[in-house]
Amino acid sequence: MKRKLLMILMCSVLSLSMITGCGGNDTNGASPSVEEDDDDDRTSRDDKEDDKESDKGSDSDEETDPVKPEEDPRETVTSGVQTESMPRSDAYEKFLAGEMSVEVIADPADQYADYMTPAAGTYTYDELKDAVLNDYPGDYDVKYAMFQPASGSEGDDILVLYFENQDPSFYNWIGFAAYDNGQLSMKYTTTFGYRSFFDLYYDGYILCGGSGGAGAQYLDCMQIAPDSSAGYIYKSAHLYATWCDEISYWLDEDMNYNDRPHLTDESALQIQLYKTGDDVMIEATSWSDNKAVKEQEEAFVSRLEDLGAMVVSGDVFEDIADVPVDENKTITWIDIEHVSSGQG
């Protein structure tokens, strides 16, 4: 009996030891170290990912910094679009609709600039209309057209505004405007009518002139530039007898009247005159049959030469007048409205 109890006790102790030993392995074995290794790996991978993101950030900064100037170029482009890229035709439509103003600019080289109408200044369409009607009363058909000068490039369109007087015995008014960099400017305006004409062509050439009286006929050739200014190609006149006296004004406008050369009423002289730039060229014909009168005419022409006139043949004038004006391409006008003095 004692042996059996001893055997049972020993077996119990041995079983308890085996159970305790297995439990210790579960608690102090490999599993905790694996969990620590997992933490280390995750930390390592996170650090690496952070490093990579940091590297990417550095690379991104290095790539973008050089293309960030002090002024964002896109702002300049955007600003340019608002001013430069607006088609001229859009600006002209805005002006005619009263949404833009035009600056009337006097030519400082024009001796009659102080008498320009309207006076230099900034005008809306209605203000410009009122200024024209104030200086030239009457009934007008207001028209406009657009054309590209031969001296310009594609897109260099000009707006021309035309106040056509319904009474042909009185003046018409015309003005040319150009759009550039957000600004509308009108650099050439003029009047015509009352025995004069003004023919405008789609290439920007102008032939204008008319009668200056019983003894004078004028013809000028001009060209409108893309900035709306007008330049003379030539000015010409055909003058009879005493009307030839005015040539001295073309040569020296400041000369005292009493010092100017004159012809007598007996003269039959005719002079064709052309002016290009500062050069004044003349051709004298139809000399008087009266010897004494012819001597006066010859002295008159000699005096004009002393003042700077160049005596040339008619062939020279033909070359000067050989300007490529296509007279079949006159402007076609678009009606805006009919206006009268005192009408707003």
Protein backbone atom coordinates (compact mmCIF):
# COMPACT_ATOMS: atom_id res chain seq x y z
CA MET A 1 0.00 0.00 0.00
CA LYS A 2 2.83 2.35 0.91
CA ARG A 3 4.56 1.48 -2.35
CA LYS A 4 1.46 2.31 -4.30
CA LEU A 5 1.12 5.67 -2.54
CA LEU A 6 4.80 6.44 -3.17
CA MET A 7 4.48 5.54 -6.81
CA ILE A 8 1.44 7.75 -7.15
CA LEU A 9 3.23 10.66 -5.46
CA MET A 10 6.29 10.36 -7.68
CA CYS A 11 4.14 10.23 -10.79
CA SER A 12 2.30 13.35 -9.65
CA VAL A 13 5.55 15.26 -9.07
CA LEU A 14 6.90 14.19 -12.43
CA SER A 15 3.70 15.20 -14.21
CA LEU A 16 3.75 18.57 -12.45
CA SER A 17 7.32 19.20 -13.55
CA MET A 18 6.49 18.39 -17.17
CA ILE A 19 3.48 20.68 -17.11
CA THR A 20 5.50 23.53 -15.55
CA GLY A 21 8.31 23.10 -18.06
CA CYS A 22 5.96 23.34 -21.06
CA GLY A 23 4.31 26.45 -19.61
CA GLY A 24 7.68 28.14 -19.24
CA ASN A 25 8.50 27.57 -22.86
CA ASP A 26 5.22 29.20 -23.92
CA THR A 27 5.98 32.29 -21.83
CA ASN A 28 9.72 32.73 -22.37
CA GLY A 29 10.16 31.16 -25.81
CA ALA A 30 10.52 32.53 -29.30
CA SER A 31 7.15 34.29 -29.68
CA PRO A 32 7.97 37.52 -27.77
CA SER A 33 11.21 37.97 -29.65
CA VAL A 34 9.33 37.60 -32.95
CA GLU A 35 6.92 40.31 -31.87
CA GLU A 36 9.88 42.58 -31.06
CA ASP A 37 11.45 41.77 -34.42
CA ASP A 38 8.16 42.68 -36.10
CA ASP A 39 8.16 46.04 -34.32
CA ASP A 40 11.76 46.64 -35.36
CA ASP A 41 10.97 45.76 -38.97
CA ARG A 42 7.94 48.00 -39.06
CA THR A 43 9.89 50.85 -37.52
CA SER A 44 12.69 50.31 -39.99
CA ARG A 45 10.30 50.21 -42.93
CA ASP A 46 8.47 53.32 -41.68
CA ASP A 47 11.78 55.15 -41.31
CA LYS A 48 12.74 54.11 -44.82
CA GLU A 49 9.40 55.26 -46.22
CA ASP A 50 9.79 58.58 -44.39
CA ASP A 51 13.28 58.92 -45.83
CA LYS A 52 11.97 58.18 -49.28
CA GLU A 53 9.19 60.77 -48.92
CA SER A 54 11.75 63.27 -47.65
CA ASP A 55 13.99 62.51 -50.63
CA LYS A 56 11.06 62.95 -52.96
CA GLY A 57 10.26 66.30 -51.36
CA SER A 58 13.85 67.42 -51.84
CA ASP A 59 13.82 66.33 -55.46
CA SER A 60 10.53 68.14 -56.03
CA ASP A 61 11.89 71.33 -54.46
CA GLU A 62 14.99 71.12 -56.58
CA GLU A 63 12.91 70.70 -59.73
CA THR A 64 10.36 73.44 -59.08
CA ASP A 65 12.51 76.15 -57.48
CA PRO A 66 14.28 77.19 -60.71
CA VAL A 67 10.96 77.84 -62.51
CA LYS A 68 9.56 80.09 -59.79
CA PRO A 69 10.74 83.61 -60.73
CA GLU A 70 10.01 86.65 -58.65
CA GLU A 71 7.08 87.40 -60.96
CA ASP A 72 4.99 84.50 -62.12
CA PRO A 73 5.26 84.61 -65.92
CA ARG A 74 1.69 83.42 -66.18
CA GLU A 75 0.55 86.68 -64.63
CA THR A 76 2.30 88.58 -67.40
CA VAL A 77 0.74 86.35 -69.99
CA THR A 78 -2.69 86.77 -68.43
CA SER A 79 -2.20 90.51 -68.32
CA GLY A 80 -1.05 90.46 -71.92
CA VAL A 81 -4.14 88.54 -72.98
CA GLN A 82 -6.33 91.22 -71.49
CA THR A 83 -4.64 93.95 -73.52
CA GLU A 84 -2.58 92.59 -76.38
CA SER A 85 -4.60 89.64 -77.56
CA MET A 86 -7.93 91.46 -77.93
CA PRO A 87 -8.56 91.65 -81.67
CA ARG A 88 -8.63 95.17 -82.96
CA SER A 89 -12.11 94.58 -84.33
CA ASP A 90 -13.35 93.79 -80.80
CA ALA A 91 -11.91 97.06 -79.48
CA TYR A 92 -13.56 98.99 -82.30
CA GLU A 93 -16.91 97.38 -81.59
CA LYS A 94 -16.54 98.32 -77.91
CA PHE A 95 -15.81 101.92 -78.88
CA LEU A 96 -18.81 102.14 -81.18
CA ALA A 97 -20.94 100.62 -78.40
CA GLY A 98 -19.74 103.27 -75.93
CA GLU A 99 -17.67 100.83 -73.85
CA MET A 100 -14.23 102.26 -74.71
CA SER A 101 -12.79 105.73 -75.28
CA VAL A 102 -10.50 106.97 -78.02
CA GLU A 103 -7.69 109.48 -77.55
CA VAL A 104 -7.52 112.09 -80.30
CA ILE A 105 -3.85 112.97 -80.76
CA ALA A 106 -2.57 116.03 -82.60
CA ASP A 107 0.41 115.76 -84.94
CA PRO A 108 3.06 118.11 -83.48
CA ALA A 109 4.49 118.61 -86.99
CA ASP A 110 1.15 119.88 -88.29
CA GLN A 111 1.14 123.67 -88.35
CA TYR A 112 -2.67 123.58 -88.17
CA ALA A 113 -2.84 121.14 -85.25
CA ASP A 114 -4.31 123.80 -82.97
CA TYR A 115 -7.30 124.01 -85.27
CA MET A 116 -7.92 120.27 -85.36
CA THR A 117 -11.50 119.25 -84.74
CA PRO A 118 -12.27 117.72 -82.34
CA ALA A 119 -9.47 119.09 -80.19
CA ALA A 120 -6.90 116.71 -78.74
CA GLY A 121 -8.38 114.75 -75.85
CA THR A 122 -10.20 111.57 -74.86
CA TYR A 123 -13.69 110.86 -76.14
CA THR A 124 -16.35 108.22 -76.03
CA TYR A 125 -18.25 107.67 -79.27
CA ASP A 126 -21.09 109.96 -78.16
CA GLU A 127 -18.66 112.65 -76.97
CA LEU A 128 -16.81 112.53 -80.28
CA LYS A 129 -20.09 112.76 -82.17
CA ASP A 130 -21.14 115.79 -80.12
CA ALA A 131 -17.79 117.49 -80.75
CA VAL A 132 -18.06 117.01 -84.52
CA LEU A 133 -21.65 118.29 -84.60
CA ASN A 134 -20.70 121.28 -82.48
CA ASP A 135 -18.05 122.40 -84.97
CA TYR A 136 -19.78 121.31 -88.15
CA PRO A 137 -23.55 121.69 -87.76
CA GLY A 138 -25.81 119.85 -90.16
CA ASP A 139 -27.43 116.53 -90.90
CA TYR A 140 -25.06 113.59 -91.10
CA ASP A 141 -25.11 109.90 -91.91
CA VAL A 142 -22.54 108.36 -89.58
CA LYS A 143 -20.70 105.39 -91.05
CA TYR A 144 -17.67 103.26 -90.38
CA ALA A 145 -15.36 100.79 -92.09
CA MET A 146 -12.31 98.71 -91.25
CA PHE A 147 -9.35 98.01 -93.48
CA GLN A 148 -5.77 96.76 -93.30
CA PRO A 149 -3.12 99.22 -94.55
CA ALA A 150 -0.70 97.90 -97.13
CA SER A 151 2.12 99.01 -94.83
CA GLY A 152 0.82 96.86 -91.96
CA SER A 153 0.76 93.19 -91.02
CA GLU A 154 -2.13 90.79 -90.58
CA GLY A 155 -4.39 92.07 -87.81
CA ASP A 156 -3.31 95.71 -88.17
CA ASP A 157 -6.83 96.82 -89.00
CA ILE A 158 -7.81 100.48 -88.89
CA LEU A 159 -11.19 101.84 -87.88
CA VAL A 160 -12.34 104.82 -89.93
CA LEU A 161 -15.32 106.85 -88.76
CA TYR A 162 -17.11 108.95 -91.36
CA PHE A 163 -19.64 111.75 -90.84
CA GLU A 164 -21.14 112.29 -94.29
CA ASN A 165 -22.95 115.60 -94.58
CA GLN A 166 -26.23 115.32 -96.46
CA ASP A 167 -25.58 118.76 -97.93
CA PRO A 168 -22.73 118.30 -100.44
CA SER A 169 -21.90 122.00 -100.25
CA PHE A 170 -20.62 121.61 -96.70
CA TYR A 171 -17.90 119.69 -94.96
CA ASN A 172 -17.72 116.00 -94.17
CA TRP A 173 -15.62 114.77 -91.24
CA ILE A 174 -13.47 111.66 -91.14
CA GLY A 175 -11.19 110.18 -88.47
CA PHE A 176 -8.92 107.15 -88.29
CA ALA A 177 -8.38 105.09 -85.12
CA ALA A 178 -6.02 102.25 -84.17
CA TYR A 179 -5.91 99.92 -81.18
CA ASP A 180 -2.65 99.04 -79.45
CA ASN A 181 -1.85 97.69 -75.98
CA GLY A 182 -5.26 98.45 -74.54
CA GLN A 183 -5.47 101.97 -75.97
CA LEU A 184 -7.51 103.40 -78.84
CA SER A 185 -5.89 106.39 -80.51
CA MET A 186 -7.02 108.61 -83.38
CA LYS A 187 -4.02 110.30 -84.99
CA TYR A 188 -5.50 111.61 -88.21
CA THR A 189 -8.75 113.50 -88.72
CA THR A 190 -9.74 115.83 -91.52
CA THR A 191 -12.64 117.48 -93.31
CA PHE A 192 -13.50 117.56 -96.96
CA GLY A 193 -16.32 118.69 -99.19
CA TYR A 194 -17.22 122.02 -100.75
CA ARG A 195 -15.52 121.38 -104.12
CA SER A 196 -13.12 118.77 -102.71
CA PHE A 197 -13.00 114.98 -102.60
CA PHE A 198 -11.50 112.28 -100.41
CA ASP A 199 -11.16 108.79 -101.90
CA LEU A 200 -10.11 106.08 -99.47
CA TYR A 201 -9.00 102.63 -100.62
CA TYR A 202 -8.84 99.31 -98.79
CA ASP A 203 -5.03 99.28 -98.85
CA GLY A 204 -4.93 102.53 -96.88
CA TYR A 205 -4.09 104.83 -99.77
CA ILE A 206 -5.91 108.15 -100.07
CA LEU A 207 -6.33 110.37 -103.09
CA CYS A 208 -7.78 113.71 -102.10
CA GLY A 209 -7.93 117.24 -103.39
CA GLY A 210 -10.16 119.45 -105.47
CA SER A 211 -10.50 122.97 -106.66
CA GLY A 212 -8.81 125.84 -104.91
CA GLY A 213 -10.56 128.41 -107.03
CA ALA A 214 -10.58 129.36 -110.69
CA GLY A 215 -6.84 128.99 -111.05
CA ALA A 216 -5.84 126.09 -108.81
CA GLN A 217 -6.39 122.32 -108.72
CA TYR A 218 -4.92 120.09 -106.02
CA LEU A 219 -4.27 116.37 -105.73
CA ASP A 220 -2.55 114.72 -102.77
CA CYS A 221 -1.61 111.10 -102.28
CA MET A 222 -1.43 109.84 -98.71
CA GLN A 223 -1.21 106.56 -96.89
CA ILE A 224 -2.64 105.55 -93.51
CA ALA A 225 -0.17 103.76 -91.22
CA PRO A 226 -1.09 100.96 -88.76
CA ASP A 227 -0.98 103.46 -85.87
CA SER A 228 -3.71 105.56 -87.60
CA SER A 229 -1.34 108.39 -88.57
CA ALA A 230 -1.26 109.63 -92.16
CA GLY A 231 1.82 110.25 -94.26
CA TYR A 232 2.08 112.13 -97.52
CA ILE A 233 3.52 110.33 -100.51
CA TYR A 234 3.23 113.52 -102.49
CA LYS A 235 1.32 116.79 -102.61
CA SER A 236 0.63 118.31 -105.98
CA ALA A 237 -1.00 121.36 -107.53
CA HIS A 238 -1.70 122.74 -110.96
CA LEU A 239 -1.65 126.53 -110.82
CA TYR A 240 -2.55 129.19 -113.38
CA ALA A 241 -1.08 132.67 -113.78
CA THR A 242 -1.26 134.71 -110.56
CA TRP A 243 -2.26 131.58 -108.62
CA CYS A 244 1.37 130.51 -109.07
CA ASP A 245 2.29 133.08 -106.44
CA GLU A 246 1.38 130.63 -103.68
CA ILE A 247 4.33 128.36 -104.56
CA SER A 248 6.55 130.57 -102.44
CA TYR A 249 4.54 129.47 -99.39
CA TRP A 250 5.47 125.87 -100.15
CA LEU A 251 9.13 126.92 -100.14
CA ASP A 252 9.26 129.37 -97.23
CA GLU A 253 6.04 129.85 -95.28
CA ASP A 254 7.63 132.43 -92.99
CA MET A 255 8.72 134.80 -95.76
CA ASN A 256 7.37 138.33 -95.62
CA TYR A 257 4.54 138.83 -98.10
CA ASN A 258 6.21 141.80 -99.80
CA ASP A 259 9.35 139.73 -100.43
CA ARG A 260 7.50 136.98 -102.26
CA PRO A 261 7.77 136.75 -106.06
CA HIS A 262 4.60 137.72 -107.94
CA LEU A 263 3.17 137.42 -111.44
CA THR A 264 1.09 140.09 -113.11
CA ASP A 265 -2.42 139.60 -114.40
CA GLU A 266 -1.07 139.51 -117.97
CA SER A 267 0.80 136.26 -117.28
CA ALA A 268 -0.30 133.05 -119.02
CA LEU A 269 2.13 130.86 -117.10
CA GLN A 270 1.01 127.48 -115.78
CA ILE A 271 3.03 125.55 -113.22
CA GLN A 272 2.68 121.92 -112.19
CA LEU A 273 4.03 121.41 -108.69
CA TYR A 274 4.89 118.27 -106.74
CA LYS A 275 6.19 118.09 -103.20
CA THR A 276 7.73 114.91 -101.77
CA GLY A 277 9.32 115.21 -98.36
CA ASP A 278 11.10 118.57 -98.34
CA ASP A 279 11.59 118.66 -102.11
CA VAL A 280 9.45 121.03 -104.16
CA MET A 281 9.60 120.34 -107.90
CA ILE A 282 8.01 122.49 -110.59
CA GLU A 283 7.43 122.35 -114.32
CA ALA A 284 6.55 125.62 -116.07
CA THR A 285 4.54 125.65 -119.29
CA SER A 286 2.32 127.99 -121.37
CA TRP A 287 4.69 130.93 -121.39
CA SER A 288 3.26 134.22 -122.56
CA ASP A 289 3.69 135.28 -126.20
CA ASN A 290 4.36 138.80 -125.03
CA LYS A 291 8.11 139.23 -124.70
CA ALA A 292 8.01 141.59 -121.74
CA VAL A 293 5.51 139.40 -119.88
CA LYS A 294 7.55 136.28 -120.66
CA GLU A 295 10.63 137.96 -119.19
CA GLN A 296 8.65 138.56 -116.00
CA GLU A 297 7.59 134.90 -115.99
CA GLU A 298 11.17 133.70 -116.43
CA ALA A 299 12.31 135.98 -113.62
CA PHE A 300 9.51 134.58 -111.45
CA VAL A 301 10.60 130.98 -112.05
CA SER A 302 14.24 131.92 -111.42
CA ARG A 303 13.25 133.48 -108.11
CA LEU A 304 11.44 130.24 -107.14
CA GLU A 305 14.65 128.35 -107.89
CA ASP A 306 16.54 130.71 -105.60
CA LEU A 307 14.08 129.79 -102.85
CA GLY A 308 14.77 126.08 -103.35
CA ALA A 309 12.40 124.89 -106.08
CA MET A 310 13.75 122.32 -108.53
CA VAL A 311 12.74 122.76 -112.18
CA VAL A 312 12.12 119.32 -113.69
CA SER A 313 10.39 117.73 -116.67
CA GLY A 314 6.98 116.14 -116.62
CA ASP A 315 8.52 112.66 -116.79
CA VAL A 316 9.73 113.08 -113.22
CA PHE A 317 6.19 113.74 -112.08
CA GLU A 318 4.96 110.59 -113.79
CA ASP A 319 7.43 108.55 -111.75
CA ILE A 320 6.40 110.27 -108.52
CA ALA A 321 2.71 109.70 -109.21
CA ASP A 322 3.26 106.01 -110.02
CA VAL A 323 1.78 104.77 -106.74
CA PRO A 324 0.13 101.30 -106.62
CA VAL A 325 -3.35 102.59 -105.83
CA ASP A 326 -6.07 100.17 -106.93
CA GLU A 327 -8.89 102.59 -107.62
CA ASN A 328 -11.34 99.70 -107.86
CA LYS A 329 -10.95 99.02 -104.13
CA THR A 330 -12.72 101.98 -102.62
CA ILE A 331 -14.06 101.58 -99.10
CA THR A 332 -17.54 100.17 -98.56
CA TRP A 333 -19.17 101.91 -95.61
CA ILE A 334 -21.44 100.44 -92.92
CA ASP A 335 -24.19 102.74 -91.64
CA ILE A 336 -24.38 103.48 -87.91
CA GLU A 337 -26.99 106.21 -87.52
CA HIS A 338 -28.37 109.49 -88.77
CA VAL A 339 -27.60 112.50 -86.56
CA SER A 340 -28.28 116.23 -86.61
CA SER A 341 -26.94 119.24 -84.74
CA GLY A 342 -28.27 119.34 -81.19
CA GLN A 343 -29.19 115.64 -81.25
CA GLY A 344 -27.52 113.67 -78.41
